[in-house]
């Protein structure tokens, strides 16, 4: 599907738009799921990998910088899911 450039800009803005007073936004949730759920639980807790992947600062796993493309955040989440399925047989289907 081809997206009109104004639709892409609108989508990027909506993904980063805070929806709670805390500043929470949808793209931050996706990053949190990639790092704190998939990566932490399957790679650190189950596989024993080090915890040195967490971003610094309070709630760093929820923070998405303005220079961080949404496509990369989503791809990281998909990559962590693929790895969990591959390495640990975690397939809900």
C-alpha atoms as a PDB file:
ATOM      1  CA  UNK A   1       0.000   0.000   0.000  1.00  0.00           C
ATOM      2  CA  UNK A   2       1.276   3.442  -0.863  1.00  0.00           C
ATOM      3  CA  UNK A   3       0.774   6.053   1.784  1.00  0.00           C
ATOM      4  CA  UNK A   4       0.375   9.682   0.977  1.00  0.00           C
ATOM      5  CA  UNK A   5       3.125  11.645   2.741  1.00  0.00           C
ATOM      6  CA  UNK A   6       0.634  13.673   4.782  1.00  0.00           C
ATOM      7  CA  UNK A   7      -0.941  10.435   6.072  1.00  0.00           C
ATOM      8  CA  UNK A   8       2.501   9.182   7.167  1.00  0.00           C
ATOM      9  CA  UNK A   9       3.189  12.435   8.994  1.00  0.00           C
ATOM     10  CA  UNK A  10      -0.201  12.286  10.684  1.00  0.00           C
ATOM     11  CA  UNK A  11       0.372   8.681  11.778  1.00  0.00           C
ATOM     12  CA  UNK A  12       3.823   9.526  13.181  1.00  0.00           C
ATOM     13  CA  UNK A  13       2.313  12.384  15.162  1.00  0.00           C
ATOM     14  CA  UNK A  14      -0.510  10.242  16.516  1.00  0.00           C
ATOM     15  CA  UNK A  15       1.856   7.482  17.644  1.00  0.00           C
ATOM     16  CA  UNK A  16       3.859  10.038  19.653  1.00  0.00           C
ATOM     17  CA  UNK A  17       0.923  12.096  20.943  1.00  0.00           C
ATOM     18  CA  UNK A  18       0.690  11.873  24.744  1.00  0.00           C
ATOM     19  CA  UNK A  19      -2.665  10.457  25.801  1.00  0.00           C
ATOM     20  CA  UNK A  20      -2.145  10.577  29.577  1.00  0.00           C
ATOM     21  CA  UNK A  21      -0.826  13.303  31.901  1.00  0.00           C
ATOM     22  CA  UNK A  22       2.291  11.172  32.464  1.00  0.00           C
ATOM     23  CA  UNK A  23       3.234  11.703  28.802  1.00  0.00           C
ATOM     24  CA  UNK A  24       2.433   8.099  27.860  1.00  0.00           C
ATOM     25  CA  UNK A  25       2.021   7.470  24.133  1.00  0.00           C
ATOM     26  CA  UNK A  26       1.406   4.442  21.941  1.00  0.00           C
ATOM     27  CA  UNK A  27       4.893   4.270  20.447  1.00  0.00           C
ATOM     28  CA  UNK A  28       6.387   4.255  23.953  1.00  0.00           C
ATOM     29  CA  UNK A  29       4.212   1.247  24.778  1.00  0.00           C
ATOM     30  CA  UNK A  30       5.531  -0.656  21.761  1.00  0.00           C
ATOM     31  CA  UNK A  31       9.138   0.092  22.787  1.00  0.00           C
ATOM     32  CA  UNK A  32       8.375  -0.975  26.365  1.00  0.00           C
ATOM     33  CA  UNK A  33       6.882  -4.258  25.128  1.00  0.00           C
ATOM     34  CA  UNK A  34       9.956  -4.939  23.001  1.00  0.00           C
ATOM     35  CA  UNK A  35      12.446  -4.231  25.786  1.00  0.00           C
ATOM     36  CA  UNK A  36      10.710  -5.048  29.059  1.00  0.00           C
ATOM     37  CA  UNK A  37       8.535  -7.925  27.963  1.00  0.00           C
ATOM     38  CA  UNK A  38      10.064  -9.780  25.053  1.00  0.00           C
ATOM     39  CA  UNK A  39      13.743  -8.956  25.544  1.00  0.00           C
ATOM     40  CA  UNK A  40      13.886  -8.924  29.333  1.00  0.00           C
ATOM     41  CA  UNK A  41      11.772 -11.986  30.057  1.00  0.00           C
ATOM     42  CA  UNK A  42      12.906 -14.280  27.279  1.00  0.00           C
ATOM     43  CA  UNK A  43      16.499 -13.210  26.790  1.00  0.00           C
ATOM     44  CA  UNK A  44      17.504 -12.132  30.311  1.00  0.00           C
ATOM     45  CA  UNK A  45      15.322 -14.175  32.643  1.00  0.00           C
ATOM     46  CA  UNK A  46      14.969 -17.365  30.589  1.00  0.00           C
ATOM     47  CA  UNK A  47      18.269 -17.364  28.658  1.00  0.00           C
ATOM     48  CA  UNK A  48      20.436 -15.591  31.256  1.00  0.00           C
ATOM     49  CA  UNK A  49      21.644 -12.755  29.022  1.00  0.00           C
ATOM     50  CA  UNK A  50      22.928  -9.571  30.721  1.00  0.00           C
ATOM     51  CA  UNK A  51      20.686  -6.611  31.533  1.00  0.00           C
ATOM     52  CA  UNK A  52      22.921  -4.078  29.773  1.00  0.00           C
ATOM     53  CA  UNK A  53      20.398  -3.405  26.986  1.00  0.00           C
ATOM     54  CA  UNK A  54      18.083  -1.098  28.974  1.00  0.00           C
ATOM     55  CA  UNK A  55      18.200   2.589  28.060  1.00  0.00           C
ATOM     56  CA  UNK A  56      19.446   4.867  30.821  1.00  0.00           C
ATOM     57  CA  UNK A  57      17.203   7.121  32.841  1.00  0.00           C
ATOM     58  CA  UNK A  58      13.879   6.710  34.569  1.00  0.00           C
ATOM     59  CA  UNK A  59      11.455   4.681  32.472  1.00  0.00           C
ATOM     60  CA  UNK A  60      13.998   4.595  29.665  1.00  0.00           C
ATOM     61  CA  UNK A  61      12.223   1.643  28.071  1.00  0.00           C
ATOM     62  CA  UNK A  62       9.175   3.871  27.532  1.00  0.00           C
ATOM     63  CA  UNK A  63      11.091   6.816  26.025  1.00  0.00           C
ATOM     64  CA  UNK A  64      11.187   7.284  22.255  1.00  0.00           C
ATOM     65  CA  UNK A  65      13.378  10.104  21.039  1.00  0.00           C
ATOM     66  CA  UNK A  66      12.261  12.391  18.229  1.00  0.00           C
ATOM     67  CA  UNK A  67      15.062  11.009  16.039  1.00  0.00           C
ATOM     68  CA  UNK A  68      13.950   7.402  16.611  1.00  0.00           C
ATOM     69  CA  UNK A  69      11.761   6.345  13.665  1.00  0.00           C
ATOM     70  CA  UNK A  70       8.502   4.601  14.497  1.00  0.00           C
ATOM     71  CA  UNK A  71       9.300   1.938  11.909  1.00  0.00           C
ATOM     72  CA  UNK A  72      12.437   0.977  13.867  1.00  0.00           C
ATOM     73  CA  UNK A  73      10.508   0.736  17.127  1.00  0.00           C
ATOM     74  CA  UNK A  74       7.956  -1.583  15.518  1.00  0.00           C
ATOM     75  CA  UNK A  75      10.653  -3.638  13.795  1.00  0.00           C
ATOM     76  CA  UNK A  76      12.533  -4.103  17.069  1.00  0.00           C
ATOM     77  CA  UNK A  77       9.352  -5.415  18.675  1.00  0.00           C
ATOM     78  CA  UNK A  78       8.722  -7.804  15.768  1.00  0.00           C
ATOM     79  CA  UNK A  79      12.359  -8.963  15.869  1.00  0.00           C
ATOM     80  CA  UNK A  80      12.153  -9.706  19.605  1.00  0.00           C
ATOM     81  CA  UNK A  81       8.960 -11.702  19.055  1.00  0.00           C
ATOM     82  CA  UNK A  82      10.573 -13.701  16.234  1.00  0.00           C
ATOM     83  CA  UNK A  83      13.578 -14.447  18.419  1.00  0.00           C
ATOM     84  CA  UNK A  84      11.384 -15.552  21.345  1.00  0.00           C
ATOM     85  CA  UNK A  85       9.488 -17.902  19.067  1.00  0.00           C
ATOM     86  CA  UNK A  86      12.675 -19.259  17.504  1.00  0.00           C
ATOM     87  CA  UNK A  87      14.714 -19.703  20.678  1.00  0.00           C
ATOM     88  CA  UNK A  88      12.024 -20.700  23.154  1.00  0.00           C
ATOM     89  CA  UNK A  89       9.204 -22.188  21.102  1.00  0.00           C
ATOM     90  CA  UNK A  90       6.895 -19.372  22.163  1.00  0.00           C
ATOM     91  CA  UNK A  91       4.207 -19.479  19.536  1.00  0.00           C
ATOM     92  CA  UNK A  92       0.649 -18.644  20.509  1.00  0.00           C
ATOM     93  CA  UNK A  93      -0.768 -20.059  17.275  1.00  0.00           C
END
